Every structure is written in structure tokens, then in C-alpha cells.
Amino acid sequence: MINNESEATNSLKTVSILATNYDLGEFGSLTNNLILSNLGDSANFKGALTLAYGFNLTDSLSSFIEYYANQSEEVWNGAWDTGLGYLVNEDLLLDLSLGYDLSRDVDSSFVSVGFSYRF
């Protein structure tokens, strides 16, 4: 096998993802992902997770809040983000989100603007 740095490797790397989505009716939805992988240089498995709660404010305006974490060595690093989505029409969604890293070692935040279009 050849890895992403064009180096030969004799080991098989895997990623396992368990994804669930819970419809909470008029209260929104809850989505989570549990991830286990051994894609790094070591043979040890690393974990990651996401937990997101989304809800509609109006027929065209929605919001979400999400917590996510990943394992770096033996330490778990967590972060959160939140955002708004505006449904322009049935095929176009505009979104704005912002987030913050909860790790004591990393001081980072972000603001993101995007769109999704269905063909």
C-alpha cells in the first residue's frame, strides 16, 4: 500500500464511524458521530466524536450548536461551534457559523460563511 505521502506501508489503516440522528419533532434534532481510527503513524487507535443539536426558528431560518472532540496522543481536545442557516429556496441554503477551541493548550476561534446548493 502507498500512504498519502507516497511512502510504502505494510499496514492496513481503518476508520469506523457510528452515526445516529434522532428526530425530536418540534424540538429539533440531535445528531452524533463516534469515530475510531488508526490513520496516524502509530498502531494505536484514536477516537473522535461530534454531538449536534439543530432546530428551526422559522420555516426558513434554522440554528445549531455542536460539541466535537478528538484524541491527540492521550489527551482529548474539545471545541464547540454554533450557527444559523437561511433557506433562500428549496435548493439554496446560506449559513454563518462561529466556534471556539476549548483546549487549554490551543487558543483558536473561527467565523465561517458558506452555502449549500442542491442540483
Protein backbone atom coordinates (compact mmCIF):
# COMPACT_ATOMS: atom_id res chain seq x y z
CA MET A 1 0.00 0.00 0.00
CA ILE A 2 1.05 3.61 -0.55
CA ASN A 3 0.09 6.25 2.03
CA ASN A 4 -0.85 9.89 1.34
CA GLU A 5 2.84 10.89 1.38
CA SER A 6 3.71 8.35 -1.38
CA GLU A 7 5.53 6.11 1.07
CA ALA A 8 5.15 2.34 1.11
CA THR A 9 3.43 0.85 4.13
CA ASN A 10 2.60 -2.74 5.05
CA SER A 11 -0.21 -1.96 7.47
CA LEU A 12 -3.91 -1.64 6.90
CA LYS A 13 -5.47 1.58 8.26
CA THR A 14 -9.14 1.82 9.17
CA VAL A 15 -11.77 4.35 10.15
CA SER A 16 -15.01 3.26 11.81
CA ILE A 17 -17.88 5.74 12.19
CA LEU A 18 -21.15 5.20 14.02
CA ALA A 19 -23.56 7.98 13.04
CA THR A 20 -27.01 8.49 14.51
CA ASN A 21 -29.75 11.06 14.06
CA TYR A 22 -32.67 11.49 16.45
CA ASP A 23 -35.77 13.39 15.34
CA LEU A 24 -37.08 15.32 18.34
CA GLY A 25 -40.19 16.54 16.50
CA GLU A 26 -40.99 20.19 17.14
CA PHE A 27 -37.92 20.42 19.42
CA GLY A 28 -35.43 19.82 16.59
CA SER A 29 -32.94 17.00 16.05
CA LEU A 30 -29.87 15.52 17.70
CA THR A 31 -27.02 14.06 15.64
CA ASN A 32 -23.88 12.33 16.83
CA ASN A 33 -20.85 10.62 15.32
CA LEU A 34 -18.50 8.30 17.18
CA ILE A 35 -15.23 7.77 15.30
CA LEU A 36 -12.41 5.29 15.84
CA SER A 37 -9.37 5.29 13.55
CA ASN A 38 -5.76 4.20 13.32
CA LEU A 39 -4.70 6.51 10.49
CA GLY A 40 -1.74 8.00 12.35
CA ASP A 41 1.85 6.82 12.38
CA SER A 42 1.33 4.57 15.41
CA ALA A 43 -0.69 1.38 15.59
CA ASN A 44 -2.82 2.85 18.40
CA PHE A 45 -6.43 3.73 17.75
CA LYS A 46 -7.59 7.33 18.19
CA GLY A 47 -11.12 8.49 18.88
CA ALA A 48 -13.29 11.44 17.92
CA LEU A 49 -16.90 12.45 18.48
CA THR A 50 -19.44 15.05 17.49
CA LEU A 51 -22.75 15.91 19.13
CA ALA A 52 -25.01 18.46 17.43
CA TYR A 53 -28.43 19.85 18.28
CA GLY A 54 -30.32 21.59 15.47
CA PHE A 55 -33.67 23.36 15.45
CA ASN A 56 -35.82 25.60 13.26
CA LEU A 57 -36.50 29.18 14.31
CA THR A 58 -38.89 29.82 11.39
CA ASP A 59 -39.71 27.99 8.14
CA SER A 60 -36.58 29.47 6.50
CA LEU A 61 -34.27 30.15 9.49
CA SER A 62 -32.52 27.35 11.42
CA SER A 63 -29.83 27.14 14.08
CA PHE A 64 -27.49 24.57 15.61
CA ILE A 65 -24.99 24.13 18.39
CA GLU A 66 -22.32 21.42 18.24
CA TYR A 67 -19.64 19.98 20.51
CA TYR A 68 -16.80 17.99 18.98
CA ALA A 69 -13.63 16.44 20.29
CA ASN A 70 -10.70 14.38 19.05
CA GLN A 71 -7.91 12.50 20.69
CA SER A 72 -4.35 13.75 20.33
CA GLU A 73 -1.92 11.30 21.95
CA GLU A 74 -3.61 10.57 25.31
CA VAL A 75 -5.37 13.96 25.56
CA TRP A 76 -8.87 14.79 24.35
CA ASN A 77 -9.25 18.24 22.75
CA GLY A 78 -12.74 19.70 22.59
CA ALA A 79 -14.36 22.59 20.76
CA TRP A 80 -17.81 23.95 20.08
CA ASP A 81 -19.49 25.84 17.31
CA THR A 82 -22.87 27.33 16.62
CA GLY A 83 -24.54 28.85 13.61
CA LEU A 84 -27.54 29.99 11.63
CA GLY A 85 -28.84 28.80 8.30
CA TYR A 86 -31.17 30.71 5.97
CA LEU A 87 -33.11 28.73 3.36
CA VAL A 88 -33.33 31.05 0.34
CA ASN A 89 -35.32 28.50 -1.66
CA GLU A 90 -35.66 24.71 -1.69
CA ASP A 91 -32.23 24.36 -3.36
CA LEU A 92 -30.10 27.09 -1.72
CA LEU A 93 -29.06 27.41 1.95
CA LEU A 94 -26.82 30.21 3.25
CA ASP A 95 -25.07 29.69 6.57
CA LEU A 96 -22.99 31.51 9.15
CA SER A 97 -21.17 29.75 11.98
CA LEU A 98 -18.63 30.52 14.67
CA GLY A 99 -16.70 28.38 17.09
CA TYR A 100 -14.10 28.23 19.81
CA ASP A 101 -11.48 25.67 20.87
CA LEU A 102 -11.90 24.53 24.49
CA SER A 103 -8.35 23.19 24.86
CA ARG A 104 -6.07 24.87 27.39
CA ASP A 105 -3.11 24.44 25.03
CA VAL A 106 -4.73 25.98 21.95
CA ASP A 107 -6.36 29.39 21.69
CA SER A 108 -8.33 29.45 18.46
CA SER A 109 -11.68 30.55 17.17
CA PHE A 110 -13.30 30.85 13.76
CA VAL A 111 -16.09 32.51 11.81
CA SER A 112 -17.36 30.81 8.68
CA VAL A 113 -19.76 31.84 5.92
CA GLY A 114 -20.96 29.29 3.40
CA PHE A 115 -23.68 27.99 1.17
CA SER A 116 -25.14 24.67 0.12
CA TYR A 117 -26.79 24.19 -3.25
CA ARG A 118 -28.76 21.15 -4.36
CA PHE A 119 -28.57 20.31 -8.07
